[in-house]
Amino acid sequence: MICSLRSVTLLAGVLGRAGERGQQRRLADAEEGVTTWRTPRDIAHFIDKDAESKASEALEAAKTATAEGILDDKPLTREDFLTDEELLREMDTPGIGPRP
């Protein structure tokens, strides 16, 4: 089957415009909180099981750390108590930077 360059260009243009319109529609729906994609059931089940496994591992690690008297690997610093805006403001101010 031999197709002319003009017919291929026409089909590619039509498909491209349809894709752009579909993308615009999906983005507009997403801004309103509407989703058209649903995660397949078996994948959702895997994600849930993985999350449960990680949560139980984290809980066990926290229990072990509490029992051993270890609360954190790294001691807290002043920056841990600052909001992102406060930290950025300090970093942008000349002469003032994050303190140790």
N, C-alpha and C. Protein backbone atom coordinates (compact mmCIF):
# COMPACT_ATOMS: atom_id res chain seq x y z
N MET A 1 0.85 -1.16 0.00
CA MET A 1 0.00 0.00 0.00
C MET A 1 0.90 1.23 0.00
N ILE A 2 0.67 2.08 -0.94
CA ILE A 2 1.47 3.29 -1.07
C ILE A 2 0.60 4.48 -0.69
N CYS A 3 1.08 5.28 0.26
CA CYS A 3 0.36 6.46 0.71
C CYS A 3 1.14 7.69 0.28
N SER A 4 0.41 8.69 -0.07
CA SER A 4 1.08 9.92 -0.44
C SER A 4 1.49 10.69 0.81
N LEU A 5 2.49 11.50 0.67
CA LEU A 5 2.97 12.31 1.78
C LEU A 5 1.86 13.24 2.29
N ARG A 6 1.04 13.70 1.38
CA ARG A 6 -0.04 14.60 1.76
C ARG A 6 -1.06 13.90 2.66
N SER A 7 -1.40 12.64 2.36
CA SER A 7 -2.37 11.92 3.18
C SER A 7 -1.80 11.59 4.55
N VAL A 8 -0.52 11.26 4.60
CA VAL A 8 0.13 10.99 5.89
C VAL A 8 0.15 12.26 6.73
N THR A 9 0.46 13.40 6.11
CA THR A 9 0.48 14.68 6.81
C THR A 9 -0.91 15.02 7.34
N LEU A 10 -1.94 14.79 6.54
CA LEU A 10 -3.31 15.05 6.96
C LEU A 10 -3.69 14.20 8.16
N LEU A 11 -3.42 12.91 8.10
CA LEU A 11 -3.75 12.02 9.22
C LEU A 11 -2.98 12.39 10.48
N ALA A 12 -1.70 12.69 10.35
CA ALA A 12 -0.91 13.07 11.51
C ALA A 12 -1.43 14.37 12.12
N GLY A 13 -1.85 15.31 11.29
CA GLY A 13 -2.40 16.57 11.79
C GLY A 13 -3.71 16.36 12.54
N VAL A 14 -4.58 15.53 11.98
CA VAL A 14 -5.88 15.26 12.63
C VAL A 14 -5.66 14.56 13.97
N LEU A 15 -4.79 13.55 13.99
CA LEU A 15 -4.52 12.84 15.23
C LEU A 15 -3.85 13.75 16.27
N GLY A 16 -2.96 14.61 15.82
CA GLY A 16 -2.30 15.54 16.74
C GLY A 16 -3.27 16.51 17.37
N ARG A 17 -4.17 17.07 16.58
CA ARG A 17 -5.16 18.00 17.13
C ARG A 17 -6.11 17.29 18.09
N ALA A 18 -6.48 16.06 17.76
CA ALA A 18 -7.36 15.30 18.66
C ALA A 18 -6.66 15.02 19.98
N GLY A 19 -5.39 14.70 19.92
CA GLY A 19 -4.62 14.46 21.14
C GLY A 19 -4.51 15.72 21.99
N GLU A 20 -4.28 16.86 21.35
CA GLU A 20 -4.19 18.12 22.08
C GLU A 20 -5.52 18.45 22.76
N ARG A 21 -6.63 18.25 22.06
CA ARG A 21 -7.95 18.52 22.65
C ARG A 21 -8.22 17.59 23.82
N GLY A 22 -7.86 16.33 23.66
CA GLY A 22 -8.05 15.37 24.76
C GLY A 22 -7.23 15.74 25.98
N GLN A 23 -5.98 16.15 25.74
CA GLN A 23 -5.11 16.56 26.84
C GLN A 23 -5.68 17.79 27.54
N GLN A 24 -6.15 18.76 26.78
CA GLN A 24 -6.75 19.96 27.37
C GLN A 24 -7.96 19.60 28.22
N ARG A 25 -8.78 18.68 27.71
CA ARG A 25 -9.98 18.27 28.45
C ARG A 25 -9.60 17.56 29.75
N ARG A 26 -8.60 16.67 29.69
CA ARG A 26 -8.17 15.97 30.90
C ARG A 26 -7.59 16.94 31.92
N LEU A 27 -6.81 17.92 31.47
CA LEU A 27 -6.25 18.91 32.39
C LEU A 27 -7.34 19.75 33.03
N ALA A 28 -8.34 20.15 32.24
CA ALA A 28 -9.45 20.94 32.78
C ALA A 28 -10.24 20.12 33.80
N ASP A 29 -10.48 18.85 33.50
CA ASP A 29 -11.18 17.98 34.44
C ASP A 29 -10.36 17.79 35.72
N ALA A 30 -9.05 17.65 35.58
CA ALA A 30 -8.19 17.44 36.75
C ALA A 30 -8.21 18.66 37.66
N GLU A 31 -8.29 19.87 37.10
CA GLU A 31 -8.37 21.07 37.92
C GLU A 31 -9.65 21.10 38.74
N GLU A 32 -10.69 20.44 38.23
CA GLU A 32 -11.96 20.37 38.96
C GLU A 32 -12.04 19.15 39.86
N GLY A 33 -10.97 18.35 39.89
CA GLY A 33 -10.94 17.17 40.74
C GLY A 33 -11.52 15.93 40.11
N VAL A 34 -11.77 15.96 38.82
CA VAL A 34 -12.34 14.82 38.11
C VAL A 34 -11.21 14.05 37.45
N THR A 35 -11.16 12.76 37.69
CA THR A 35 -10.15 11.93 37.03
C THR A 35 -10.85 10.86 36.20
N THR A 36 -10.27 10.59 35.06
CA THR A 36 -10.85 9.57 34.19
C THR A 36 -10.07 8.27 34.27
N TRP A 37 -8.89 8.32 34.89
CA TRP A 37 -8.05 7.13 34.99
C TRP A 37 -8.27 6.46 36.34
N ARG A 38 -8.48 5.20 36.32
CA ARG A 38 -8.58 4.42 37.53
C ARG A 38 -7.43 3.43 37.56
N THR A 39 -6.76 3.33 38.69
CA THR A 39 -5.68 2.38 38.83
C THR A 39 -6.27 0.97 38.79
N PRO A 40 -5.70 0.09 37.98
CA PRO A 40 -6.22 -1.28 37.94
C PRO A 40 -6.23 -1.91 39.33
N ARG A 41 -7.21 -2.76 39.56
CA ARG A 41 -7.44 -3.35 40.87
C ARG A 41 -6.22 -4.11 41.40
N ASP A 42 -5.56 -4.90 40.56
CA ASP A 42 -4.41 -5.66 41.05
C ASP A 42 -3.24 -4.75 41.42
N ILE A 43 -3.07 -3.66 40.69
CA ILE A 43 -2.00 -2.72 41.02
C ILE A 43 -2.34 -1.97 42.30
N ALA A 44 -3.60 -1.56 42.45
CA ALA A 44 -4.03 -0.88 43.68
C ALA A 44 -3.85 -1.80 44.88
N HIS A 45 -4.14 -3.08 44.71
CA HIS A 45 -3.97 -4.05 45.79
C HIS A 45 -2.49 -4.15 46.17
N PHE A 46 -1.61 -4.20 45.17
CA PHE A 46 -0.17 -4.26 45.43
C PHE A 46 0.30 -2.99 46.16
N ILE A 47 -0.17 -1.82 45.73
CA ILE A 47 0.21 -0.56 46.36
C ILE A 47 -0.24 -0.54 47.83
N ASP A 48 -1.48 -1.00 48.08
CA ASP A 48 -1.99 -1.03 49.45
C ASP A 48 -1.17 -1.97 50.33
N LYS A 49 -0.87 -3.17 49.83
CA LYS A 49 -0.08 -4.14 50.59
C LYS A 49 1.32 -3.61 50.87
N ASP A 50 1.93 -2.95 49.87
CA ASP A 50 3.26 -2.39 50.05
C ASP A 50 3.24 -1.29 51.10
N ALA A 51 2.23 -0.44 51.07
CA ALA A 51 2.10 0.64 52.06
C ALA A 51 1.90 0.06 53.46
N GLU A 52 1.08 -0.98 53.58
CA GLU A 52 0.87 -1.63 54.88
C GLU A 52 2.16 -2.23 55.41
N SER A 53 2.92 -2.87 54.52
CA SER A 53 4.19 -3.47 54.91
C SER A 53 5.17 -2.42 55.40
N LYS A 54 5.29 -1.33 54.66
CA LYS A 54 6.21 -0.26 55.06
C LYS A 54 5.77 0.40 56.36
N ALA A 55 4.47 0.56 56.55
CA ALA A 55 3.96 1.15 57.79
C ALA A 55 4.25 0.25 58.98
N SER A 56 4.07 -1.05 58.81
CA SER A 56 4.35 -1.96 59.93
C SER A 56 5.85 -2.01 60.23
N GLU A 57 6.70 -1.94 59.19
CA GLU A 57 8.15 -1.90 59.41
C GLU A 57 8.54 -0.62 60.16
N ALA A 58 7.95 0.50 59.80
CA ALA A 58 8.24 1.77 60.46
C ALA A 58 7.77 1.73 61.92
N LEU A 59 6.63 1.13 62.16
CA LEU A 59 6.12 1.01 63.52
C LEU A 59 7.04 0.15 64.37
N GLU A 60 7.48 -0.97 63.82
CA GLU A 60 8.41 -1.85 64.54
C GLU A 60 9.72 -1.13 64.83
N ALA A 61 10.23 -0.38 63.85
CA ALA A 61 11.48 0.37 64.05
C ALA A 61 11.30 1.42 65.14
N ALA A 62 10.15 2.08 65.17
CA ALA A 62 9.88 3.09 66.20
C ALA A 62 9.79 2.43 67.58
N LYS A 63 9.14 1.27 67.66
CA LYS A 63 9.04 0.56 68.94
C LYS A 63 10.42 0.15 69.43
N THR A 64 11.25 -0.37 68.53
CA THR A 64 12.60 -0.78 68.88
C THR A 64 13.42 0.42 69.34
N ALA A 65 13.32 1.54 68.61
CA ALA A 65 14.06 2.74 68.97
C ALA A 65 13.62 3.27 70.33
N THR A 66 12.32 3.23 70.60
CA THR A 66 11.81 3.69 71.88
C THR A 66 12.30 2.79 73.01
N ALA A 67 12.27 1.49 72.76
CA ALA A 67 12.73 0.55 73.79
C ALA A 67 14.21 0.72 74.09
N GLU A 68 15.00 1.06 73.06
CA GLU A 68 16.44 1.24 73.24
C GLU A 68 16.80 2.67 73.64
N GLY A 69 15.82 3.55 73.68
CA GLY A 69 16.07 4.93 74.07
C GLY A 69 16.65 5.78 72.96
N ILE A 70 16.54 5.32 71.73
CA ILE A 70 17.04 6.07 70.58
C ILE A 70 15.83 6.65 69.86
N LEU A 71 15.74 7.96 69.83
CA LEU A 71 14.59 8.57 69.19
C LEU A 71 14.88 8.99 67.76
N ASP A 72 16.12 9.33 67.48
CA ASP A 72 16.44 9.81 66.14
C ASP A 72 17.93 9.60 65.88
N ASP A 73 18.28 9.34 64.63
CA ASP A 73 19.69 9.18 64.28
C ASP A 73 20.41 10.51 64.33
N LYS A 74 19.69 11.59 64.06
CA LYS A 74 20.30 12.91 63.95
C LYS A 74 19.65 13.83 64.99
N PRO A 75 20.45 14.55 65.77
CA PRO A 75 19.85 15.47 66.73
C PRO A 75 19.13 16.61 66.02
N LEU A 76 18.09 17.14 66.64
CA LEU A 76 17.33 18.23 66.05
C LEU A 76 18.15 19.51 66.06
N THR A 77 17.96 20.30 65.02
CA THR A 77 18.62 21.59 64.92
C THR A 77 17.56 22.68 64.86
N ARG A 78 18.00 23.92 64.93
CA ARG A 78 17.08 25.06 64.88
C ARG A 78 16.26 25.05 63.60
N GLU A 79 16.87 24.67 62.47
CA GLU A 79 16.18 24.67 61.18
C GLU A 79 15.01 23.69 61.15
N ASP A 80 15.07 22.66 61.99
CA ASP A 80 13.98 21.69 62.02
C ASP A 80 12.68 22.31 62.53
N PHE A 81 12.78 23.44 63.23
CA PHE A 81 11.60 24.08 63.79
C PHE A 81 11.12 25.28 62.97
N LEU A 82 11.85 25.63 61.91
CA LEU A 82 11.47 26.76 61.07
C LEU A 82 10.54 26.31 59.96
N THR A 83 9.66 27.19 59.53
CA THR A 83 8.84 26.91 58.36
C THR A 83 9.71 27.08 57.12
N ASP A 84 9.25 26.60 56.00
CA ASP A 84 10.00 26.74 54.76
C ASP A 84 10.22 28.21 54.42
N GLU A 85 9.19 29.04 54.63
CA GLU A 85 9.32 30.46 54.31
C GLU A 85 10.37 31.13 55.18
N GLU A 86 10.38 30.81 56.48
CA GLU A 86 11.37 31.40 57.39
C GLU A 86 12.78 30.97 57.01
N LEU A 87 12.95 29.72 56.67
CA LEU A 87 14.27 29.22 56.29
C LEU A 87 14.75 29.86 55.00
N LEU A 88 13.86 29.98 54.01
CA LEU A 88 14.24 30.63 52.76
C LEU A 88 14.57 32.09 52.96
N ARG A 89 13.79 32.78 53.82
CA ARG A 89 14.05 34.18 54.09
C ARG A 89 15.43 34.35 54.72
N GLU A 90 15.79 33.48 55.65
CA GLU A 90 17.11 33.55 56.27
C GLU A 90 18.22 33.26 55.27
N MET A 91 17.98 32.32 54.37
CA MET A 91 19.01 31.96 53.39
C MET A 91 19.21 33.07 52.38
N ASP A 92 18.17 33.82 52.08
CA ASP A 92 18.26 34.90 51.09
C ASP A 92 18.79 36.20 51.68
N THR A 93 18.75 36.36 52.99
CA THR A 93 19.22 37.59 53.63
C THR A 93 20.75 37.58 53.69
N PRO A 94 21.39 38.61 53.11
CA PRO A 94 22.86 38.64 53.14
C PRO A 94 23.39 38.72 54.58
N GLY A 95 24.43 37.97 54.84
CA GLY A 95 25.03 37.98 56.16
C GLY A 95 24.36 37.07 57.16
N ILE A 96 23.17 36.62 56.81
CA ILE A 96 22.46 35.72 57.71
C ILE A 96 22.23 34.43 56.94
N GLY A 97 22.67 33.39 57.46
CA GLY A 97 22.46 32.10 56.84
C GLY A 97 21.97 31.12 57.88
N PRO A 98 21.70 29.92 57.49
CA PRO A 98 21.28 28.93 58.48
C PRO A 98 22.36 28.77 59.54
N ARG A 99 21.94 28.70 60.76
CA ARG A 99 22.88 28.55 61.87
C ARG A 99 23.08 27.08 62.17
N PRO A 100 24.25 26.72 62.65
CA PRO A 100 24.50 25.30 62.99
C PRO A 100 23.72 24.87 64.20
